[in-house]
Each structure stands twice: as C-alpha cells, then as structure tokens.
Amino acid sequence: KTATFTLYGVDHNTKDQTAIRDYIHVEDLVEAHKKALDYLVKTNQSNIFNLGTEQGYSVKEIIETTESITNTKIDVTIAERRPGDPSILIASHQKAWNQLDWKPTRDLNTMIASAYKYYKKRG
C-alpha cells in the first residue's frame, strides 16, 4: 500500500532542504495543560507558555520515520514552497519548565508510532 504526501518546498536553508518544525505528542500537551490549570488555581493568574520540544525535525525526517514505523512507502510529490514559509520553527519550553515543572518526554518515534497505532485501531 502506498500513501501520498505533498512536500511544499525543497529549497529551505536546512540540512536536507525541507522545512524543520517542532512536533509534540498530544499526551505531552495534555500533561502541560493539566500543570497550567494547577498553576492557574494555585496562583489565580493566567499566563502564556510555549509548549514545544526544542527539537526540530525536517519534513524529510518525518516521512522517513513514518515509512519505517508503518512499513509503508510514501509517494512524495514535490510542490513549490509556500510564500512566507520559514525554514525553521522551533519552540522553547523553558518558561513552562521553570514555572510549571513541565517538559515533553516523548520523541519522534513514539509520536509517530502512537499515532499510527491509534489510526490502525480506527480502521
């Protein structure tokens, strides 16, 4: 079975010319939100926190890891880079670490494997 994917831009100033983004597992986000709610209750103050891994992965790395975990070849179509699309977007979680005692714990393999497991269950 072959999956298809459109890759927007192979002209980024990155190691493999594809965009780098900071992907985060939904369970890491849930844990951060719980800690933020505790913070709100404890301090009676709202705040703003970036929630990221501080670890960027290129689109090519995402494709390759997904192919490896799912044992599926992804048919990649190359398209033009979208206007204004930055080469690298990575979020810092330092404020969340300092004030909420939170940091993400799941890596790329775990993120993709758990997403794949979830979608396989759904049929």
PDB file of N, CA and C in Angstrom:
ATOM      1  N   LYS A   1       0.849  -1.182   0.000  1.00  0.00           N
ATOM      2  CA  LYS A   1       0.000   0.000   0.000  1.00  0.00           C
ATOM      3  C   LYS A   1       0.887   1.236   0.000  1.00  0.00           C
ATOM      4  N   THR A   2       0.565   2.191  -0.853  1.00  0.00           N
ATOM      5  CA  THR A   2       1.343   3.412  -0.965  1.00  0.00           C
ATOM      6  C   THR A   2       0.516   4.601  -0.496  1.00  0.00           C
ATOM      7  N   ALA A   3       1.101   5.395   0.383  1.00  0.00           N
ATOM      8  CA  ALA A   3       0.462   6.632   0.824  1.00  0.00           C
ATOM      9  C   ALA A   3       1.004   7.772  -0.018  1.00  0.00           C
ATOM     10  N   THR A   4       0.245   8.859  -0.140  1.00  0.00           N
ATOM     11  CA  THR A   4       0.712  10.008  -0.903  1.00  0.00           C
ATOM     12  C   THR A   4       0.832  11.221   0.016  1.00  0.00           C
ATOM     13  N   PHE A   5       1.782  12.085  -0.305  1.00  0.00           N
ATOM     14  CA  PHE A   5       2.063  13.260   0.507  1.00  0.00           C
ATOM     15  C   PHE A   5       2.626  14.354  -0.388  1.00  0.00           C
ATOM     16  N   THR A   6       2.151  15.582  -0.195  1.00  0.00           N
ATOM     17  CA  THR A   6       2.703  16.718  -0.921  1.00  0.00           C
ATOM     18  C   THR A   6       3.704  17.425  -0.026  1.00  0.00           C
ATOM     19  N   LEU A   7       4.920  17.544  -0.500  1.00  0.00           N
ATOM     20  CA  LEU A   7       6.004  18.219   0.213  1.00  0.00           C
ATOM     21  C   LEU A   7       6.156  19.608  -0.381  1.00  0.00           C
ATOM     22  N   TYR A   8       5.889  20.625   0.432  1.00  0.00           N
ATOM     23  CA  TYR A   8       5.953  22.000  -0.034  1.00  0.00           C
ATOM     24  C   TYR A   8       7.332  22.586   0.229  1.00  0.00           C
ATOM     25  N   GLY A   9       8.138  22.620  -0.778  1.00  0.00           N
ATOM     26  CA  GLY A   9       9.435  23.278  -0.699  1.00  0.00           C
ATOM     27  C   GLY A   9      10.588  22.362  -0.372  1.00  0.00           C
ATOM     28  N   VAL A  10      11.537  22.320  -1.281  1.00  0.00           N
ATOM     29  CA  VAL A  10      12.799  21.601  -1.060  1.00  0.00           C
ATOM     30  C   VAL A  10      13.960  22.580  -1.291  1.00  0.00           C
ATOM     31  N   ASP A  11      13.696  23.828  -0.906  1.00  0.00           N
ATOM     32  CA  ASP A  11      14.703  24.880  -1.072  1.00  0.00           C
ATOM     33  C   ASP A  11      14.938  25.619   0.244  1.00  0.00           C
ATOM     34  N   HIS A  12      14.649  24.965   1.354  1.00  0.00           N
ATOM     35  CA  HIS A  12      14.851  25.588   2.670  1.00  0.00           C
ATOM     36  C   HIS A  12      16.327  25.542   3.046  1.00  0.00           C
ATOM     37  N   ASN A  13      16.737  26.490   3.844  1.00  0.00           N
ATOM     38  CA  ASN A  13      18.109  26.553   4.319  1.00  0.00           C
ATOM     39  C   ASN A  13      18.262  25.620   5.541  1.00  0.00           C
ATOM     40  N   THR A  14      18.165  24.329   5.276  1.00  0.00           N
ATOM     41  CA  THR A  14      18.257  23.306   6.321  1.00  0.00           C
ATOM     42  C   THR A  14      19.128  22.168   5.810  1.00  0.00           C
ATOM     43  N   LYS A  15      19.428  21.223   6.680  1.00  0.00           N
ATOM     44  CA  LYS A  15      20.343  20.132   6.316  1.00  0.00           C
ATOM     45  C   LYS A  15      19.880  19.300   5.134  1.00  0.00           C
ATOM     46  N   ASP A  16      18.552  19.151   4.950  1.00  0.00           N
ATOM     47  CA  ASP A  16      18.069  18.360   3.812  1.00  0.00           C
ATOM     48  C   ASP A  16      17.131  19.155   2.902  1.00  0.00           C
ATOM     49  N   GLN A  17      17.158  20.474   3.046  1.00  0.00           N
ATOM     50  CA  GLN A  17      16.392  21.423   2.232  1.00  0.00           C
ATOM     51  C   GLN A  17      14.873  21.351   2.451  1.00  0.00           C
ATOM     52  N   THR A  18      14.411  20.604   3.478  1.00  0.00           N
ATOM     53  CA  THR A  18      12.988  20.610   3.801  1.00  0.00           C
ATOM     54  C   THR A  18      12.789  21.349   5.124  1.00  0.00           C
ATOM     55  N   ALA A  19      11.590  21.875   5.318  1.00  0.00           N
ATOM     56  CA  ALA A  19      11.289  22.684   6.498  1.00  0.00           C
ATOM     57  C   ALA A  19      11.460  21.871   7.784  1.00  0.00           C
ATOM     58  N   ILE A  20      11.912  22.537   8.815  1.00  0.00           N
ATOM     59  CA  ILE A  20      12.054  21.921  10.139  1.00  0.00           C
ATOM     60  C   ILE A  20      10.991  22.508  11.050  1.00  0.00           C
ATOM     61  N   ARG A  21      10.276  21.614  11.736  1.00  0.00           N
ATOM     62  CA  ARG A  21       9.222  22.027  12.654  1.00  0.00           C
ATOM     63  C   ARG A  21       9.387  21.293  13.974  1.00  0.00           C
ATOM     64  N   ASP A  22       8.777  21.843  14.998  1.00  0.00           N
ATOM     65  CA  ASP A  22       8.827  21.292  16.345  1.00  0.00           C
ATOM     66  C   ASP A  22       7.527  20.541  16.589  1.00  0.00           C
ATOM     67  N   TYR A  23       7.579  19.232  16.438  1.00  0.00           N
ATOM     68  CA  TYR A  23       6.399  18.390  16.640  1.00  0.00           C
ATOM     69  C   TYR A  23       6.345  17.953  18.096  1.00  0.00           C
ATOM     70  N   ILE A  24       5.131  17.843  18.634  1.00  0.00           N
ATOM     71  CA  ILE A  24       4.970  17.465  20.034  1.00  0.00           C
ATOM     72  C   ILE A  24       3.820  16.463  20.155  1.00  0.00           C
ATOM     73  N   HIS A  25       3.983  15.512  21.046  1.00  0.00           N
ATOM     74  CA  HIS A  25       2.971  14.474  21.256  1.00  0.00           C
ATOM     75  C   HIS A  25       1.767  15.060  21.990  1.00  0.00           C
ATOM     76  N   VAL A  26       0.589  14.654  21.602  1.00  0.00           N
ATOM     77  CA  VAL A  26      -0.631  15.167  22.225  1.00  0.00           C
ATOM     78  C   VAL A  26      -0.662  14.865  23.728  1.00  0.00           C
ATOM     79  N   GLU A  27      -0.095  13.748  24.154  1.00  0.00           N
ATOM     80  CA  GLU A  27      -0.089  13.435  25.588  1.00  0.00           C
ATOM     81  C   GLU A  27       0.840  14.376  26.359  1.00  0.00           C
ATOM     82  N   ASP A  28       1.917  14.823  25.734  1.00  0.00           N
ATOM     83  CA  ASP A  28       2.756  15.843  26.360  1.00  0.00           C
ATOM     84  C   ASP A  28       1.967  17.151  26.509  1.00  0.00           C
ATOM     85  N   LEU A  29       1.167  17.489  25.498  1.00  0.00           N
ATOM     86  CA  LEU A  29       0.341  18.688  25.576  1.00  0.00           C
ATOM     87  C   LEU A  29      -0.703  18.576  26.690  1.00  0.00           C
ATOM     88  N   VAL A  30      -1.307  17.410  26.819  1.00  0.00           N
ATOM     89  CA  VAL A  30      -2.298  17.197  27.874  1.00  0.00           C
ATOM     90  C   VAL A  30      -1.659  17.407  29.243  1.00  0.00           C
ATOM     91  N   GLU A  31      -0.487  16.836  29.438  1.00  0.00           N
ATOM     92  CA  GLU A  31       0.203  16.999  30.720  1.00  0.00           C
ATOM     93  C   GLU A  31       0.531  18.461  30.993  1.00  0.00           C
ATOM     94  N   ALA A  32       0.942  19.192  29.972  1.00  0.00           N
ATOM     95  CA  ALA A  32       1.243  20.617  30.139  1.00  0.00           C
ATOM     96  C   ALA A  32      -0.015  21.399  30.508  1.00  0.00           C
ATOM     97  N   HIS A  33      -1.122  21.077  29.864  1.00  0.00           N
ATOM     98  CA  HIS A  33      -2.365  21.776  30.169  1.00  0.00           C
ATOM     99  C   HIS A  33      -2.836  21.494  31.595  1.00  0.00           C
ATOM    100  N   LYS A  34      -2.661  20.281  32.052  1.00  0.00           N
ATOM    101  CA  LYS A  34      -3.009  19.957  33.444  1.00  0.00           C
ATOM    102  C   LYS A  34      -2.169  20.783  34.409  1.00  0.00           C
ATOM    103  N   LYS A  35      -0.875  20.870  34.139  1.00  0.00           N
ATOM    104  CA  LYS A  35       0.014  21.652  35.006  1.00  0.00           C
ATOM    105  C   LYS A  35      -0.319  23.143  34.932  1.00  0.00           C
ATOM    106  N   ALA A  36      -0.711  23.616  33.756  1.00  0.00           N
ATOM    107  CA  ALA A  36      -1.105  25.019  33.617  1.00  0.00           C
ATOM    108  C   ALA A  36      -2.390  25.298  34.405  1.00  0.00           C
ATOM    109  N   LEU A  37      -3.311  24.355  34.396  1.00  0.00           N
ATOM    110  CA  LEU A  37      -4.536  24.516  35.178  1.00  0.00           C
ATOM    111  C   LEU A  37      -4.216  24.551  36.671  1.00  0.00           C
ATOM    112  N   ASP A  38      -3.335  23.667  37.118  1.00  0.00           N
ATOM    113  CA  ASP A  38      -2.895  23.686  38.521  1.00  0.00           C
ATOM    114  C   ASP A  38      -2.257  25.031  38.864  1.00  0.00           C
ATOM    115  N   TYR A  39      -1.447  25.544  37.964  1.00  0.00           N
ATOM    116  CA  TYR A  39      -0.791  26.845  38.140  1.00  0.00           C
ATOM    117  C   TYR A  39      -1.840  27.951  38.293  1.00  0.00           C
ATOM    118  N   LEU A  40      -2.851  27.914  37.438  1.00  0.00           N
ATOM    119  CA  LEU A  40      -3.911  28.921  37.467  1.00  0.00           C
ATOM    120  C   LEU A  40      -4.661  28.874  38.799  1.00  0.00           C
ATOM    121  N   VAL A  41      -4.998  27.685  39.248  1.00  0.00           N
ATOM    122  CA  VAL A  41      -5.711  27.525  40.514  1.00  0.00           C
ATOM    123  C   VAL A  41      -4.841  27.991  41.685  1.00  0.00           C
ATOM    124  N   LYS A  42      -3.578  27.619  41.665  1.00  0.00           N
ATOM    125  CA  LYS A  42      -2.661  27.945  42.759  1.00  0.00           C
ATOM    126  C   LYS A  42      -2.353  29.439  42.830  1.00  0.00           C
ATOM    127  N   THR A  43      -2.103  30.075  41.683  1.00  0.00           N
ATOM    128  CA  THR A  43      -1.654  31.474  41.668  1.00  0.00           C
ATOM    129  C   THR A  43      -2.769  32.477  41.388  1.00  0.00           C
ATOM    130  N   ASN A  44      -3.895  31.984  40.871  1.00  0.00           N
ATOM    131  CA  ASN A  44      -5.004  32.838  40.455  1.00  0.00           C
ATOM    132  C   ASN A  44      -4.550  33.845  39.381  1.00  0.00           C
ATOM    133  N   GLN A  45      -3.572  33.435  38.580  1.00  0.00           N
ATOM    134  CA  GLN A  45      -3.062  34.267  37.491  1.00  0.00           C
ATOM    135  C   GLN A  45      -2.981  33.437  36.214  1.00  0.00           C
ATOM    136  N   SER A  46      -3.411  34.049  35.130  1.00  0.00           N
ATOM    137  CA  SER A  46      -3.216  33.368  33.850  1.00  0.00           C
ATOM    138  C   SER A  46      -1.818  33.707  33.352  1.00  0.00           C
ATOM    139  N   ASN A  47      -1.352  32.939  32.397  1.00  0.00           N
ATOM    140  CA  ASN A  47      -0.016  33.135  31.868  1.00  0.00           C
ATOM    141  C   ASN A  47       0.027  32.567  30.461  1.00  0.00           C
ATOM    142  N   ILE A  48       1.097  32.800  29.772  1.00  0.00           N
ATOM    143  CA  ILE A  48       1.287  32.279  28.415  1.00  0.00           C
ATOM    144  C   ILE A  48       2.544  31.427  28.413  1.00  0.00           C
ATOM    145  N   PHE A  49       2.428  30.210  27.871  1.00  0.00           N
ATOM    146  CA  PHE A  49       3.555  29.289  27.808  1.00  0.00           C
ATOM    147  C   PHE A  49       3.672  28.719  26.401  1.00  0.00           C
ATOM    148  N   ASN A  50       4.886  28.705  25.875  1.00  0.00           N
ATOM    149  CA  ASN A  50       5.148  27.966  24.650  1.00  0.00           C
ATOM    150  C   ASN A  50       5.313  26.508  25.036  1.00  0.00           C
ATOM    151  N   LEU A  51       4.733  25.621  24.243  1.00  0.00           N
ATOM    152  CA  LEU A  51       4.853  24.194  24.503  1.00  0.00           C
ATOM    153  C   LEU A  51       5.482  23.537  23.288  1.00  0.00           C
ATOM    154  N   GLY A  52       6.753  23.287  23.396  1.00  0.00           N
ATOM    155  CA  GLY A  52       7.488  22.654  22.316  1.00  0.00           C
ATOM    156  C   GLY A  52       8.536  21.731  22.875  1.00  0.00           C
ATOM    157  N   THR A  53       9.189  21.033  21.994  1.00  0.00           N
ATOM    158  CA  THR A  53      10.214  20.076  22.420  1.00  0.00           C
ATOM    159  C   THR A  53      11.614  20.660  22.362  1.00  0.00           C
ATOM    160  N   GLU A  54      11.735  21.815  21.720  1.00  0.00           N
ATOM    161  CA  GLU A  54      13.030  22.424  21.436  1.00  0.00           C
ATOM    162  C   GLU A  54      13.868  21.544  20.512  1.00  0.00           C
ATOM    163  N   GLN A  55      13.213  20.604  19.852  1.00  0.00           N
ATOM    164  CA  GLN A  55      13.868  19.658  18.943  1.00  0.00           C
ATOM    165  C   GLN A  55      13.122  19.699  17.618  1.00  0.00           C
ATOM    166  N   GLY A  56      13.748  20.197  16.597  1.00  0.00           N
ATOM    167  CA  GLY A  56      13.097  20.248  15.308  1.00  0.00           C
ATOM    168  C   GLY A  56      13.391  19.017  14.469  1.00  0.00           C
ATOM    169  N   TYR A  57      12.402  18.651  13.672  1.00  0.00           N
ATOM    170  CA  TYR A  57      12.555  17.552  12.718  1.00  0.00           C
ATOM    171  C   TYR A  57      12.177  18.068  11.342  1.00  0.00           C
ATOM    172  N   SER A  58      12.939  17.667  10.351  1.00  0.00           N
ATOM    173  CA  SER A  58      12.621  18.089   8.990  1.00  0.00           C
ATOM    174  C   SER A  58      11.461  17.257   8.451  1.00  0.00           C
ATOM    175  N   VAL A  59      10.809  17.814   7.447  1.00  0.00           N
ATOM    176  CA  VAL A  59       9.713  17.088   6.818  1.00  0.00           C
ATOM    177  C   VAL A  59      10.233  15.756   6.269  1.00  0.00           C
ATOM    178  N   LYS A  60      11.430  15.776   5.716  1.00  0.00           N
ATOM    179  CA  LYS A  60      12.012  14.534   5.193  1.00  0.00           C
ATOM    180  C   LYS A  60      12.210  13.506   6.318  1.00  0.00           C
ATOM    181  N   GLU A  61      12.652  13.958   7.489  1.00  0.00           N
ATOM    182  CA  GLU A  61      12.810  13.036   8.629  1.00  0.00           C
ATOM    183  C   GLU A  61      11.465  12.457   9.064  1.00  0.00           C
ATOM    184  N   ILE A  62      10.421  13.268   9.018  1.00  0.00           N
ATOM    185  CA  ILE A  62       9.081  12.794   9.379  1.00  0.00           C
ATOM    186  C   ILE A  62       8.642  11.716   8.393  1.00  0.00           C
ATOM    187  N   ILE A  63       8.844  11.972   7.121  1.00  0.00           N
ATOM    188  CA  ILE A  63       8.455  10.999   6.095  1.00  0.00           C
ATOM    189  C   ILE A  63       9.226   9.695   6.287  1.00  0.00           C
ATOM    190  N   GLU A  64      10.532   9.789   6.439  1.00  0.00           N
ATOM    191  CA  GLU A  64      11.359   8.581   6.586  1.00  0.00           C
ATOM    192  C   GLU A  64      11.005   7.789   7.847  1.00  0.00           C
ATOM    193  N   THR A  65      10.777   8.484   8.947  1.00  0.00           N
ATOM    194  CA  THR A  65      10.415   7.805  10.192  1.00  0.00           C
ATOM    195  C   THR A  65       9.045   7.148  10.060  1.00  0.00           C
ATOM    196  N   THR A  66       8.125   7.838   9.422  1.00  0.00           N
ATOM    197  CA  THR A  66       6.787   7.277   9.208  1.00  0.00           C
ATOM    198  C   THR A  66       6.856   6.041   8.326  1.00  0.00           C
ATOM    199  N   GLU A  67       7.639   6.099   7.266  1.00  0.00           N
ATOM    200  CA  GLU A  67       7.792   4.924   6.404  1.00  0.00           C
ATOM    201  C   GLU A  67       8.356   3.749   7.182  1.00  0.00           C
ATOM    202  N   SER A  68       9.342   4.008   8.019  1.00  0.00           N
ATOM    203  CA  SER A  68       9.981   2.948   8.787  1.00  0.00           C
ATOM    204  C   SER A  68       9.009   2.320   9.795  1.00  0.00           C
ATOM    205  N   ILE A  69       8.291   3.134  10.517  1.00  0.00           N
ATOM    206  CA  ILE A  69       7.383   2.627  11.555  1.00  0.00           C
ATOM    207  C   ILE A  69       6.174   1.929  10.957  1.00  0.00           C
ATOM    208  N   THR A  70       5.653   2.458   9.869  1.00  0.00           N
ATOM    209  CA  THR A  70       4.434   1.897   9.280  1.00  0.00           C
ATOM    210  C   THR A  70       4.713   0.840   8.220  1.00  0.00           C
ATOM    211  N   ASN A  71       5.979   0.707   7.862  1.00  0.00           N
ATOM    212  CA  ASN A  71       6.356  -0.215   6.792  1.00  0.00           C
ATOM    213  C   ASN A  71       5.550   0.077   5.523  1.00  0.00           C
ATOM    214  N   THR A  72       5.407   1.371   5.250  1.00  0.00           N
ATOM    215  CA  THR A  72       4.641   1.839   4.104  1.00  0.00           C
ATOM    216  C   THR A  72       5.475   2.837   3.321  1.00  0.00           C
ATOM    217  N   LYS A  73       5.537   2.665   2.024  1.00  0.00           N
ATOM    218  CA  LYS A  73       6.228   3.622   1.164  1.00  0.00           C
ATOM    219  C   LYS A  73       5.305   4.814   0.930  1.00  0.00           C
ATOM    220  N   ILE A  74       5.816   5.997   1.171  1.00  0.00           N
ATOM    221  CA  ILE A  74       5.037   7.214   0.953  1.00  0.00           C
ATOM    222  C   ILE A  74       5.458   7.820  -0.378  1.00  0.00           C
ATOM    223  N   ASP A  75       4.501   7.980  -1.251  1.00  0.00           N
ATOM    224  CA  ASP A  75       4.736   8.604  -2.553  1.00  0.00           C
ATOM    225  C   ASP A  75       4.733  10.121  -2.343  1.00  0.00           C
ATOM    226  N   VAL A  76       5.884  10.741  -2.481  1.00  0.00           N
ATOM    227  CA  VAL A  76       6.028  12.170  -2.209  1.00  0.00           C
ATOM    228  C   VAL A  76       5.983  12.960  -3.509  1.00  0.00           C
ATOM    229  N   THR A  77       5.092  13.942  -3.529  1.00  0.00           N
ATOM    230  CA  THR A  77       5.003  14.883  -4.633  1.00  0.00           C
ATOM    231  C   THR A  77       5.626  16.192  -4.159  1.00  0.00           C
ATOM    232  N   ILE A  78       6.569  16.695  -4.926  1.00  0.00           N
ATOM    233  CA  ILE A  78       7.236  17.948  -4.580  1.00  0.00           C
ATOM    234  C   ILE A  78       6.444  19.110  -5.170  1.00  0.00           C
ATOM    235  N   ALA A  79       6.123  20.079  -4.308  1.00  0.00           N
ATOM    236  CA  ALA A  79       5.422  21.284  -4.746  1.00  0.00           C
ATOM    237  C   ALA A  79       6.272  22.499  -4.357  1.00  0.00           C
ATOM    238  N   GLU A  80       5.914  23.636  -4.912  1.00  0.00           N
ATOM    239  CA  GLU A  80       6.643  24.864  -4.587  1.00  0.00           C
ATOM    240  C   GLU A  80       6.465  25.218  -3.120  1.00  0.00           C
ATOM    241  N   ARG A  81       7.480  25.820  -2.573  1.00  0.00           N
ATOM    242  CA  ARG A  81       7.434  26.328  -1.201  1.00  0.00           C
ATOM    243  C   ARG A  81       6.322  27.368  -1.087  1.00  0.00           C
ATOM    244  N   ARG A  82       5.574  27.319  -0.001  1.00  0.00           N
ATOM    245  CA  ARG A  82       4.503  28.282   0.206  1.00  0.00           C
ATOM    246  C   ARG A  82       5.096  29.655   0.547  1.00  0.00           C
ATOM    247  N   PRO A  83       4.517  30.715   0.029  1.00  0.00           N
ATOM    248  CA  PRO A  83       5.043  32.062   0.309  1.00  0.00           C
ATOM    249  C   PRO A  83       5.087  32.339   1.816  1.00  0.00           C
ATOM    250  N   GLY A  84       6.212  32.856   2.276  1.00  0.00           N
ATOM    251  CA  GLY A  84       6.359  33.210   3.677  1.00  0.00           C
ATOM    252  C   GLY A  84       6.658  32.065   4.608  1.00  0.00           C
ATOM    253  N   ASP A  85       6.798  30.863   4.085  1.00  0.00           N
ATOM    254  CA  ASP A  85       7.035  29.687   4.922  1.00  0.00           C
ATOM    255  C   ASP A  85       8.477  29.704   5.434  1.00  0.00           C
ATOM    256  N   PRO A  86       8.686  29.844   6.746  1.00  0.00           N
ATOM    257  CA  PRO A  86      10.048  29.884   7.282  1.00  0.00           C
ATOM    258  C   PRO A  86      10.704  28.510   7.229  1.00  0.00           C
ATOM    259  N   SER A  87      12.005  28.487   7.140  1.00  0.00           N
ATOM    260  CA  SER A  87      12.729  27.216   7.077  1.00  0.00           C
ATOM    261  C   SER A  87      12.685  26.467   8.398  1.00  0.00           C
ATOM    262  N   ILE A  88      12.739  27.185   9.511  1.00  0.00           N
ATOM    263  CA  ILE A  88      12.800  26.532  10.818  1.00  0.00           C
ATOM    264  C   ILE A  88      11.853  27.220  11.794  1.00  0.00           C
ATOM    265  N   LEU A  89      11.032  26.414  12.481  1.00  0.00           N
ATOM    266  CA  LEU A  89      10.173  26.896  13.567  1.00  0.00           C
ATOM    267  C   LEU A  89      10.313  25.918  14.730  1.00  0.00           C
ATOM    268  N   ILE A  90      10.920  26.378  15.800  1.00  0.00           N
ATOM    269  CA  ILE A  90      11.126  25.539  16.976  1.00  0.00           C
ATOM    270  C   ILE A  90      10.727  26.349  18.205  1.00  0.00           C
ATOM    271  N   ALA A  91       9.982  25.733  19.111  1.00  0.00           N
ATOM    272  CA  ALA A  91       9.510  26.422  20.316  1.00  0.00           C
ATOM    273  C   ALA A  91      10.352  26.047  21.525  1.00  0.00           C
ATOM    274  N   SER A  92      10.538  27.005  22.405  1.00  0.00           N
ATOM    275  CA  SER A  92      11.223  26.769  23.668  1.00  0.00           C
ATOM    276  C   SER A  92      10.196  26.429  24.741  1.00  0.00           C
ATOM    277  N   HIS A  93      10.516  25.452  25.578  1.00  0.00           N
ATOM    278  CA  HIS A  93       9.628  25.125  26.695  1.00  0.00           C
ATOM    279  C   HIS A  93      10.228  25.571  28.036  1.00  0.00           C
ATOM    280  N   GLN A  94      11.230  26.438  27.983  1.00  0.00           N
ATOM    281  CA  GLN A  94      11.938  26.832  29.204  1.00  0.00           C
ATOM    282  C   GLN A  94      11.032  27.499  30.244  1.00  0.00           C
ATOM    283  N   LYS A  95      10.142  28.371  29.811  1.00  0.00           N
ATOM    284  CA  LYS A  95       9.244  29.016  30.755  1.00  0.00           C
ATOM    285  C   LYS A  95       8.316  27.986  31.401  1.00  0.00           C
ATOM    286  N   ALA A  96       7.803  27.069  30.608  1.00  0.00           N
ATOM    287  CA  ALA A  96       6.943  26.011  31.155  1.00  0.00           C
ATOM    288  C   ALA A  96       7.731  25.119  32.107  1.00  0.00           C
ATOM    289  N   TRP A  97       8.985  24.858  31.794  1.00  0.00           N
ATOM    290  CA  TRP A  97       9.844  24.053  32.662  1.00  0.00           C
ATOM    291  C   TRP A  97      10.076  24.783  33.987  1.00  0.00           C
ATOM    292  N   ASN A  98      10.389  26.074  33.906  1.00  0.00           N
ATOM    293  CA  ASN A  98      10.688  26.859  35.106  1.00  0.00           C
ATOM    294  C   ASN A  98       9.466  27.105  35.988  1.00  0.00           C
ATOM    295  N   GLN A  99       8.321  27.370  35.379  1.00  0.00           N
ATOM    296  CA  GLN A  99       7.153  27.754  36.167  1.00  0.00           C
ATOM    297  C   GLN A  99       6.153  26.631  36.405  1.00  0.00           C
ATOM    298  N   LEU A 100       6.124  25.653  35.517  1.00  0.00           N
ATOM    299  CA  LEU A 100       5.161  24.557  35.660  1.00  0.00           C
ATOM    300  C   LEU A 100       5.817  23.223  35.989  1.00  0.00           C
ATOM    301  N   ASP A 101       7.145  23.191  35.944  1.00  0.00           N
ATOM    302  CA  ASP A 101       7.873  21.932  36.106  1.00  0.00           C
ATOM    303  C   ASP A 101       7.442  20.925  35.036  1.00  0.00           C
ATOM    304  N   TRP A 102       7.345  21.424  33.800  1.00  0.00           N
ATOM    305  CA  TRP A 102       6.908  20.590  32.680  1.00  0.00           C
ATOM    306  C   TRP A 102       7.942  20.616  31.571  1.00  0.00           C
ATOM    307  N   LYS A 103       8.139  19.466  30.994  1.00  0.00           N
ATOM    308  CA  LYS A 103       8.872  19.363  29.734  1.00  0.00           C
ATOM    309  C   LYS A 103       8.361  18.120  29.014  1.00  0.00           C
ATOM    310  N   PRO A 104       8.416  18.121  27.685  1.00  0.00           N
ATOM    311  CA  PRO A 104       7.939  16.966  26.937  1.00  0.00           C
ATOM    312  C   PRO A 104       8.869  15.774  27.133  1.00  0.00           C
ATOM    313  N   THR A 105       8.300  14.583  27.042  1.00  0.00           N
ATOM    314  CA  THR A 105       9.092  13.372  27.269  1.00  0.00           C
ATOM    315  C   THR A 105       9.072  12.398  26.099  1.00  0.00           C
ATOM    316  N   ARG A 106       8.249  12.642  25.113  1.00  0.00           N
ATOM    317  CA  ARG A 106       8.098  11.681  24.017  1.00  0.00           C
ATOM    318  C   ARG A 106       8.877  12.134  22.785  1.00  0.00           C
ATOM    319  N   ASP A 107       9.579  11.197  22.165  1.00  0.00           N
ATOM    320  CA  ASP A 107      10.394  11.509  20.989  1.00  0.00           C
ATOM    321  C   ASP A 107       9.610  11.257  19.699  1.00  0.00           C
ATOM    322  N   LEU A 108      10.242  11.526  18.575  1.00  0.00           N
ATOM    323  CA  LEU A 108       9.588  11.399  17.277  1.00  0.00           C
ATOM    324  C   LEU A 108       9.074   9.989  17.020  1.00  0.00           C
ATOM    325  N   ASN A 109       9.883   8.973  17.312  1.00  0.00           N
ATOM    326  CA  ASN A 109       9.436   7.592  17.090  1.00  0.00           C
ATOM    327  C   ASN A 109       8.181   7.284  17.895  1.00  0.00           C
ATOM    328  N   THR A 110       8.150   7.723  19.148  1.00  0.00           N
ATOM    329  CA  THR A 110       6.978   7.497  19.994  1.00  0.00           C
ATOM    330  C   THR A 110       5.764   8.229  19.443  1.00  0.00           C
ATOM    331  N   MET A 111       5.953   9.470  18.995  1.00  0.00           N
ATOM    332  CA  MET A 111       4.839  10.248  18.443  1.00  0.00           C
ATOM    333  C   MET A 111       4.224   9.543  17.236  1.00  0.00           C
ATOM    334  N   ILE A 112       5.071   9.141  16.311  1.00  0.00           N
ATOM    335  CA  ILE A 112       4.555   8.534  15.086  1.00  0.00           C
ATOM    336  C   ILE A 112       3.988   7.145  15.364  1.00  0.00           C
ATOM    337  N   ALA A 113       4.655   6.358  16.188  1.00  0.00           N
ATOM    338  CA  ALA A 113       4.164   5.018  16.498  1.00  0.00           C
ATOM    339  C   ALA A 113       2.809   5.061  17.191  1.00  0.00           C
ATOM    340  N   SER A 114       2.625   5.971  18.130  1.00  0.00           N
ATOM    341  CA  SER A 114       1.337   6.019  18.832  1.00  0.00           C
ATOM    342  C   SER A 114       0.233   6.542  17.911  1.00  0.00           C
ATOM    343  N   ALA A 115       0.542   7.496  17.052  1.00  0.00           N
ATOM    344  CA  ALA A 115      -0.453   7.985  16.092  1.00  0.00           C
ATOM    345  C   ALA A 115      -0.846   6.863  15.126  1.00  0.00           C
ATOM    346  N   TYR A 116       0.139   6.122  14.668  1.00  0.00           N
ATOM    347  CA  TYR A 116      -0.122   5.009  13.751  1.00  0.00           C
ATOM    348  C   TYR A 116      -0.996   3.952  14.429  1.00  0.00           C
ATOM    349  N   LYS A 117      -0.681   3.620  15.658  1.00  0.00           N
ATOM    350  CA  LYS A 117      -1.467   2.630  16.422  1.00  0.00           C
ATOM    351  C   LYS A 117      -2.911   3.097  16.569  1.00  0.00           C
ATOM    352  N   TYR A 118      -3.101   4.383  16.873  1.00  0.00           N
ATOM    353  CA  TYR A 118      -4.431   4.951  17.035  1.00  0.00           C
ATOM    354  C   TYR A 118      -5.221   4.838  15.719  1.00  0.00           C
ATOM    355  N   TYR A 119      -4.611   5.246  14.618  1.00  0.00           N
ATOM    356  CA  TYR A 119      -5.332   5.224  13.341  1.00  0.00           C
ATOM    357  C   TYR A 119      -5.571   3.808  12.849  1.00  0.00           C
ATOM    358  N   LYS A 120      -4.706   2.884  13.170  1.00  0.00           N
ATOM    359  CA  LYS A 120      -4.943   1.484  12.795  1.00  0.00           C
ATOM    360  C   LYS A 120      -6.155   0.927  13.521  1.00  0.00           C
ATOM    361  N   LYS A 121      -6.327   1.298  14.798  1.00  0.00           N
ATOM    362  CA  LYS A 121      -7.495   0.854  15.573  1.00  0.00           C
ATOM    363  C   LYS A 121      -8.787   1.353  14.962  1.00  0.00           C
ATOM    364  N   ARG A 122      -8.747   2.567  14.417  1.00  0.00           N
ATOM    365  CA  ARG A 122      -9.955   3.192  13.857  1.00  0.00           C
ATOM    366  C   ARG A 122     -10.347   2.572  12.530  1.00  0.00           C
ATOM    367  N   GLY A 123      -9.448   1.784  11.952  1.00  0.00           N
ATOM    368  CA  GLY A 123      -9.761   1.108  10.708  1.00  0.00           C
ATOM    369  C   GLY A 123      -9.440   1.931   9.550  1.00  0.00           C
TER     370      GLY A 123
END
